């Protein structure tokens, strides 16, 4: 097990989350509702959502194989 595997979720401060939520509300008041802002508002309002999103990003990073050429088409390997 590496040090990277021992990383624990650390949430943002309440003031940072509140500031981000206010940015979203201001944006929607000025430009209207869009899916990206709706997602960030959901992120701001839910600790579990933030934690799951962080876990997802960690797993994406772990899935990267640095010895693989991802630009090479898959069908050539068949």
Protein backbone atom coordinates (compact mmCIF):
# COMPACT_ATOMS: atom_id res chain seq x y z
CA UNK A 1 0.00 0.00 0.00
CA UNK A 2 1.41 3.38 -1.00
CA UNK A 3 1.11 6.72 0.70
CA UNK A 4 -1.26 7.77 -2.07
CA UNK A 5 -3.66 4.99 -1.03
CA UNK A 6 -3.82 6.41 2.51
CA UNK A 7 -5.13 9.82 1.46
CA UNK A 8 -8.28 10.78 3.35
CA UNK A 9 -11.05 13.07 2.20
CA UNK A 10 -10.66 16.56 3.61
CA UNK A 11 -13.68 18.81 3.08
CA UNK A 12 -13.49 22.51 2.27
CA UNK A 13 -14.27 25.05 4.96
CA UNK A 14 -17.88 26.14 5.39
CA UNK A 15 -17.01 29.67 4.30
CA UNK A 16 -15.40 28.45 1.04
CA UNK A 17 -18.44 26.32 0.27
CA UNK A 18 -20.80 29.19 1.07
CA UNK A 19 -18.78 31.54 -1.17
CA UNK A 20 -18.98 29.06 -4.06
CA UNK A 21 -22.72 28.62 -3.55
CA UNK A 22 -23.18 32.39 -3.60
CA UNK A 23 -21.20 32.58 -6.87
CA UNK A 24 -23.59 30.00 -8.35
CA UNK A 25 -26.66 31.89 -7.18
CA UNK A 26 -25.29 35.16 -8.55
CA UNK A 27 -24.50 33.53 -11.89
CA UNK A 28 -27.98 32.03 -12.18
CA UNK A 29 -29.60 35.35 -11.30
CA UNK A 30 -27.65 37.03 -14.09
CA UNK A 31 -27.57 34.35 -16.84
CA UNK A 32 -30.15 31.73 -15.95
CA UNK A 33 -29.91 28.10 -14.93
CA UNK A 34 -27.48 25.72 -16.65
CA UNK A 35 -26.59 22.09 -15.78
CA UNK A 36 -23.00 22.90 -14.77
CA UNK A 37 -24.11 25.43 -12.17
CA UNK A 38 -26.84 23.09 -10.93
CA UNK A 39 -24.17 20.42 -10.35
CA UNK A 40 -21.94 22.82 -8.42
CA UNK A 41 -24.89 23.91 -6.29
CA UNK A 42 -25.57 20.25 -5.49
CA UNK A 43 -21.87 19.86 -4.64
CA UNK A 44 -22.12 22.85 -2.26
CA UNK A 45 -25.21 21.54 -0.50
CA UNK A 46 -24.17 17.92 0.12
CA UNK A 47 -21.21 16.63 2.10
CA UNK A 48 -21.81 13.11 0.73
CA UNK A 49 -21.87 14.42 -2.84
CA UNK A 50 -18.52 16.19 -2.32
CA UNK A 51 -17.02 13.06 -0.76
CA UNK A 52 -18.25 10.76 -3.55
CA UNK A 53 -16.99 13.19 -6.18
CA UNK A 54 -13.56 13.26 -4.51
CA UNK A 55 -13.48 9.44 -4.33
CA UNK A 56 -14.39 9.23 -8.01
CA UNK A 57 -11.50 11.56 -8.94
CA UNK A 58 -9.10 9.49 -6.82
CA UNK A 59 -10.18 6.29 -8.58
CA UNK A 60 -9.81 7.88 -12.01
CA UNK A 61 -6.26 8.88 -11.10
CA UNK A 62 -5.49 5.35 -9.84
CA UNK A 63 -6.82 3.82 -13.06
CA UNK A 64 -4.23 5.56 -15.24
CA UNK A 65 -1.53 3.18 -16.42
CA UNK A 66 1.54 5.27 -17.17
CA UNK A 67 3.01 2.56 -19.40
CA UNK A 68 0.06 2.62 -21.82
CA UNK A 69 -0.08 4.69 -24.98
CA UNK A 70 -3.66 5.96 -24.82
CA UNK A 71 -3.33 7.67 -28.22
CA UNK A 72 -2.97 4.30 -29.98
CA UNK A 73 -6.29 2.95 -31.33
CA UNK A 74 -7.58 -0.04 -29.38
CA UNK A 75 -8.59 -2.05 -32.46
CA UNK A 76 -4.93 -2.43 -33.49
CA UNK A 77 -4.36 -4.61 -30.42
CA UNK A 78 -7.01 -7.18 -31.39
